[in-house]
Amino acid sequence: MEREQAYKNIMDIEFDKEMGKLSDEDYAQMMTPARAQAVEVLRCLDARGVKEGMTRLQMNEREAAQAARNKTPAFRENRGRETTLAR
């Protein structure tokens, strides 16, 4: 699970609570693991050197293997341009 999915899970739970679909107890039971998962995702991304605003590069298997051999990052800063690399 990546950062965006972790944030989406939290936002979905908060939305359901605001819409009255969740009791306080259900909200707490769902939010605790969702927050823990988000923290874990952020720790893993941080350990890999991924910062806020970076986006995953789209690579085929050959490119991914070469990037791993060269220790090329699989993420880059998003500067408002298309993030998918066409090769």
N, C-alpha and C. Protein backbone atom coordinates (compact mmCIF):
# COMPACT_ATOMS: atom_id res chain seq x y z
N MET A 1 0.86 -1.17 0.00
CA MET A 1 0.00 0.00 0.00
C MET A 1 0.91 1.23 0.00
N GLU A 2 0.61 2.17 -0.88
CA GLU A 2 1.40 3.38 -0.96
C GLU A 2 0.72 4.51 -0.19
N ARG A 3 1.40 5.61 -0.10
CA ARG A 3 0.95 6.77 0.65
C ARG A 3 -0.47 7.19 0.27
N GLU A 4 -0.76 7.29 -1.01
CA GLU A 4 -2.07 7.76 -1.45
C GLU A 4 -3.20 6.85 -0.98
N GLN A 5 -2.97 5.54 -1.05
CA GLN A 5 -3.99 4.61 -0.61
C GLN A 5 -4.20 4.69 0.90
N ALA A 6 -3.11 4.85 1.65
CA ALA A 6 -3.23 4.98 3.10
C ALA A 6 -4.04 6.22 3.46
N TYR A 7 -3.75 7.35 2.78
CA TYR A 7 -4.51 8.58 3.02
C TYR A 7 -5.97 8.40 2.63
N LYS A 8 -6.21 7.73 1.51
CA LYS A 8 -7.59 7.51 1.05
C LYS A 8 -8.37 6.69 2.06
N ASN A 9 -7.75 5.66 2.62
CA ASN A 9 -8.44 4.84 3.62
C ASN A 9 -8.87 5.69 4.82
N ILE A 10 -7.98 6.54 5.29
CA ILE A 10 -8.31 7.40 6.43
C ILE A 10 -9.42 8.37 6.05
N MET A 11 -9.33 8.96 4.87
CA MET A 11 -10.35 9.91 4.45
C MET A 11 -11.71 9.24 4.30
N ASP A 12 -11.73 8.00 3.80
CA ASP A 12 -12.99 7.26 3.65
C ASP A 12 -13.62 7.00 5.02
N ILE A 13 -12.81 6.63 5.98
CA ILE A 13 -13.33 6.37 7.33
C ILE A 13 -13.88 7.66 7.93
N GLU A 14 -13.13 8.76 7.78
CA GLU A 14 -13.60 10.04 8.29
C GLU A 14 -14.89 10.48 7.61
N PHE A 15 -14.99 10.27 6.31
CA PHE A 15 -16.20 10.63 5.58
C PHE A 15 -17.39 9.82 6.08
N ASP A 16 -17.20 8.50 6.24
CA ASP A 16 -18.29 7.65 6.74
C ASP A 16 -18.74 8.10 8.13
N LYS A 17 -17.80 8.51 8.96
CA LYS A 17 -18.15 9.00 10.30
C LYS A 17 -18.97 10.29 10.19
N GLU A 18 -18.52 11.21 9.34
CA GLU A 18 -19.24 12.47 9.17
C GLU A 18 -20.65 12.25 8.60
N MET A 19 -20.81 11.24 7.77
CA MET A 19 -22.11 10.95 7.16
C MET A 19 -23.02 10.16 8.10
N GLY A 20 -22.51 9.82 9.28
CA GLY A 20 -23.32 9.11 10.26
C GLY A 20 -23.38 7.61 10.03
N LYS A 21 -22.52 7.09 9.18
CA LYS A 21 -22.51 5.66 8.88
C LYS A 21 -21.75 4.85 9.92
N LEU A 22 -20.95 5.53 10.75
CA LEU A 22 -20.15 4.83 11.76
C LEU A 22 -20.43 5.40 13.14
N SER A 23 -20.55 4.51 14.11
CA SER A 23 -20.64 4.95 15.50
C SER A 23 -19.25 5.38 15.96
N ASP A 24 -19.18 6.02 17.10
CA ASP A 24 -17.88 6.41 17.65
C ASP A 24 -17.00 5.18 17.86
N GLU A 25 -17.61 4.10 18.34
CA GLU A 25 -16.85 2.87 18.59
C GLU A 25 -16.33 2.26 17.28
N ASP A 26 -17.20 2.18 16.28
CA ASP A 26 -16.77 1.64 14.99
C ASP A 26 -15.68 2.51 14.37
N TYR A 27 -15.84 3.82 14.47
CA TYR A 27 -14.85 4.76 13.95
C TYR A 27 -13.48 4.50 14.59
N ALA A 28 -13.47 4.39 15.91
CA ALA A 28 -12.21 4.14 16.61
C ALA A 28 -11.59 2.80 16.22
N GLN A 29 -12.43 1.77 16.10
CA GLN A 29 -11.94 0.45 15.73
C GLN A 29 -11.36 0.42 14.32
N MET A 30 -11.91 1.23 13.43
CA MET A 30 -11.41 1.27 12.05
C MET A 30 -10.24 2.23 11.89
N MET A 31 -10.28 3.34 12.61
CA MET A 31 -9.27 4.37 12.43
C MET A 31 -7.92 3.96 13.03
N THR A 32 -7.91 3.26 14.14
CA THR A 32 -6.65 2.88 14.77
C THR A 32 -5.76 2.07 13.83
N PRO A 33 -6.26 1.00 13.22
CA PRO A 33 -5.37 0.26 12.29
C PRO A 33 -5.08 1.05 11.01
N ALA A 34 -6.01 1.88 10.57
CA ALA A 34 -5.76 2.67 9.35
C ALA A 34 -4.63 3.66 9.59
N ARG A 35 -4.61 4.30 10.74
CA ARG A 35 -3.53 5.23 11.07
C ARG A 35 -2.20 4.48 11.24
N ALA A 36 -2.24 3.33 11.88
CA ALA A 36 -1.03 2.53 12.07
C ALA A 36 -0.47 2.12 10.71
N GLN A 37 -1.34 1.72 9.79
CA GLN A 37 -0.91 1.33 8.45
C GLN A 37 -0.30 2.53 7.73
N ALA A 38 -0.92 3.71 7.86
CA ALA A 38 -0.39 4.92 7.21
C ALA A 38 1.00 5.26 7.76
N VAL A 39 1.18 5.14 9.06
CA VAL A 39 2.48 5.41 9.66
C VAL A 39 3.52 4.43 9.12
N GLU A 40 3.15 3.16 9.02
CA GLU A 40 4.08 2.16 8.50
C GLU A 40 4.46 2.46 7.05
N VAL A 41 3.49 2.84 6.24
CA VAL A 41 3.76 3.19 4.85
C VAL A 41 4.73 4.37 4.78
N LEU A 42 4.46 5.40 5.58
CA LEU A 42 5.33 6.58 5.58
C LEU A 42 6.74 6.24 6.06
N ARG A 43 6.86 5.37 7.04
CA ARG A 43 8.19 4.94 7.51
C ARG A 43 8.94 4.18 6.42
N CYS A 44 8.25 3.30 5.72
CA CYS A 44 8.89 2.53 4.64
C CYS A 44 9.33 3.45 3.51
N LEU A 45 8.47 4.38 3.12
CA LEU A 45 8.82 5.32 2.06
C LEU A 45 10.00 6.19 2.48
N ASP A 46 9.98 6.64 3.72
CA ASP A 46 11.07 7.47 4.22
C ASP A 46 12.38 6.69 4.22
N ALA A 47 12.31 5.42 4.60
CA ALA A 47 13.52 4.59 4.62
C ALA A 47 14.09 4.40 3.21
N ARG A 48 13.22 4.44 2.21
CA ARG A 48 13.68 4.32 0.82
C ARG A 48 14.05 5.68 0.22
N GLY A 49 13.93 6.74 1.01
CA GLY A 49 14.31 8.06 0.53
C GLY A 49 13.23 8.76 -0.27
N VAL A 50 12.00 8.26 -0.20
CA VAL A 50 10.89 8.87 -0.94
C VAL A 50 10.32 10.00 -0.10
N LYS A 51 10.19 11.16 -0.71
CA LYS A 51 9.67 12.34 -0.02
C LYS A 51 8.32 12.74 -0.59
N GLU A 52 7.58 13.55 0.16
CA GLU A 52 6.29 14.07 -0.29
C GLU A 52 6.48 14.78 -1.62
N GLY A 53 5.57 14.58 -2.55
CA GLY A 53 5.65 15.22 -3.85
C GLY A 53 6.35 14.41 -4.91
N MET A 54 6.96 13.29 -4.51
CA MET A 54 7.61 12.42 -5.49
C MET A 54 6.56 11.44 -6.00
N THR A 55 6.70 11.04 -7.24
CA THR A 55 5.77 10.09 -7.84
C THR A 55 6.54 8.89 -8.38
N ARG A 56 5.87 7.76 -8.42
CA ARG A 56 6.50 6.53 -8.89
C ARG A 56 6.67 6.60 -10.39
N LEU A 57 7.83 6.17 -10.85
CA LEU A 57 8.09 6.08 -12.28
C LEU A 57 7.46 4.80 -12.81
N GLN A 58 6.94 4.84 -14.01
CA GLN A 58 6.39 3.65 -14.65
C GLN A 58 7.51 2.99 -15.45
N MET A 59 7.86 1.75 -15.11
CA MET A 59 8.94 1.04 -15.78
C MET A 59 8.48 -0.36 -16.15
N ASN A 60 9.06 -0.87 -17.24
CA ASN A 60 8.81 -2.28 -17.54
C ASN A 60 9.80 -3.11 -16.74
N GLU A 61 9.71 -4.44 -16.82
CA GLU A 61 10.56 -5.30 -16.00
C GLU A 61 12.05 -5.10 -16.28
N ARG A 62 12.40 -4.96 -17.55
CA ARG A 62 13.81 -4.78 -17.92
C ARG A 62 14.35 -3.48 -17.32
N GLU A 63 13.57 -2.41 -17.43
CA GLU A 63 14.00 -1.11 -16.89
C GLU A 63 14.09 -1.16 -15.36
N ALA A 64 13.16 -1.86 -14.73
CA ALA A 64 13.19 -1.98 -13.27
C ALA A 64 14.42 -2.75 -12.81
N ALA A 65 14.76 -3.83 -13.53
CA ALA A 65 15.95 -4.60 -13.17
C ALA A 65 17.21 -3.76 -13.34
N GLN A 66 17.27 -3.00 -14.43
CA GLN A 66 18.43 -2.14 -14.66
C GLN A 66 18.52 -1.06 -13.59
N ALA A 67 17.38 -0.46 -13.23
CA ALA A 67 17.37 0.57 -12.19
C ALA A 67 17.84 -0.01 -10.86
N ALA A 68 17.44 -1.25 -10.56
CA ALA A 68 17.87 -1.89 -9.32
C ALA A 68 19.38 -2.13 -9.32
N ARG A 69 19.90 -2.57 -10.47
CA ARG A 69 21.35 -2.79 -10.56
C ARG A 69 22.12 -1.48 -10.40
N ASN A 70 21.57 -0.42 -10.97
CA ASN A 70 22.25 0.89 -10.92
C ASN A 70 21.87 1.70 -9.69
N LYS A 71 20.98 1.13 -8.87
CA LYS A 71 20.47 1.83 -7.69
C LYS A 71 19.84 3.17 -8.08
N THR A 72 19.13 3.17 -9.20
CA THR A 72 18.41 4.35 -9.66
C THR A 72 17.09 4.41 -8.91
N PRO A 73 16.69 5.57 -8.41
CA PRO A 73 15.44 5.64 -7.67
C PRO A 73 14.23 5.34 -8.56
N ALA A 74 13.24 4.71 -7.97
CA ALA A 74 12.00 4.42 -8.68
C ALA A 74 11.00 5.55 -8.52
N PHE A 75 11.42 6.61 -7.84
CA PHE A 75 10.56 7.76 -7.63
C PHE A 75 11.31 9.00 -8.09
N ARG A 76 10.56 10.02 -8.47
CA ARG A 76 11.16 11.30 -8.82
C ARG A 76 10.24 12.40 -8.34
N GLU A 77 10.79 13.61 -8.27
CA GLU A 77 9.98 14.75 -7.87
C GLU A 77 8.96 15.05 -8.95
N ASN A 78 7.74 15.33 -8.53
CA ASN A 78 6.67 15.69 -9.47
C ASN A 78 6.67 17.19 -9.60
N ARG A 79 6.97 17.66 -10.79
CA ARG A 79 7.01 19.10 -11.03
C ARG A 79 5.87 19.54 -11.93
N GLY A 80 4.71 18.92 -11.77
CA GLY A 80 3.54 19.30 -12.52
C GLY A 80 3.49 18.74 -13.93
N ARG A 81 4.40 17.85 -14.27
CA ARG A 81 4.41 17.23 -15.58
C ARG A 81 3.85 15.82 -15.50
N GLU A 82 3.55 15.27 -16.66
CA GLU A 82 3.10 13.89 -16.74
C GLU A 82 4.14 13.00 -16.07
N THR A 83 3.70 12.05 -15.27
CA THR A 83 4.64 11.23 -14.50
C THR A 83 4.92 9.88 -15.14
N THR A 84 4.17 9.49 -16.14
CA THR A 84 4.40 8.20 -16.76
C THR A 84 5.44 8.35 -17.86
N LEU A 85 6.46 7.53 -17.81
CA LEU A 85 7.50 7.57 -18.84
C LEU A 85 7.10 6.61 -19.96
N ALA A 86 7.05 7.12 -21.16
CA ALA A 86 6.73 6.28 -22.32
C ALA A 86 8.05 5.82 -22.93
N ARG A 87 8.21 4.53 -23.09
CA ARG A 87 9.45 4.00 -23.69
C ARG A 87 9.11 2.99 -24.74
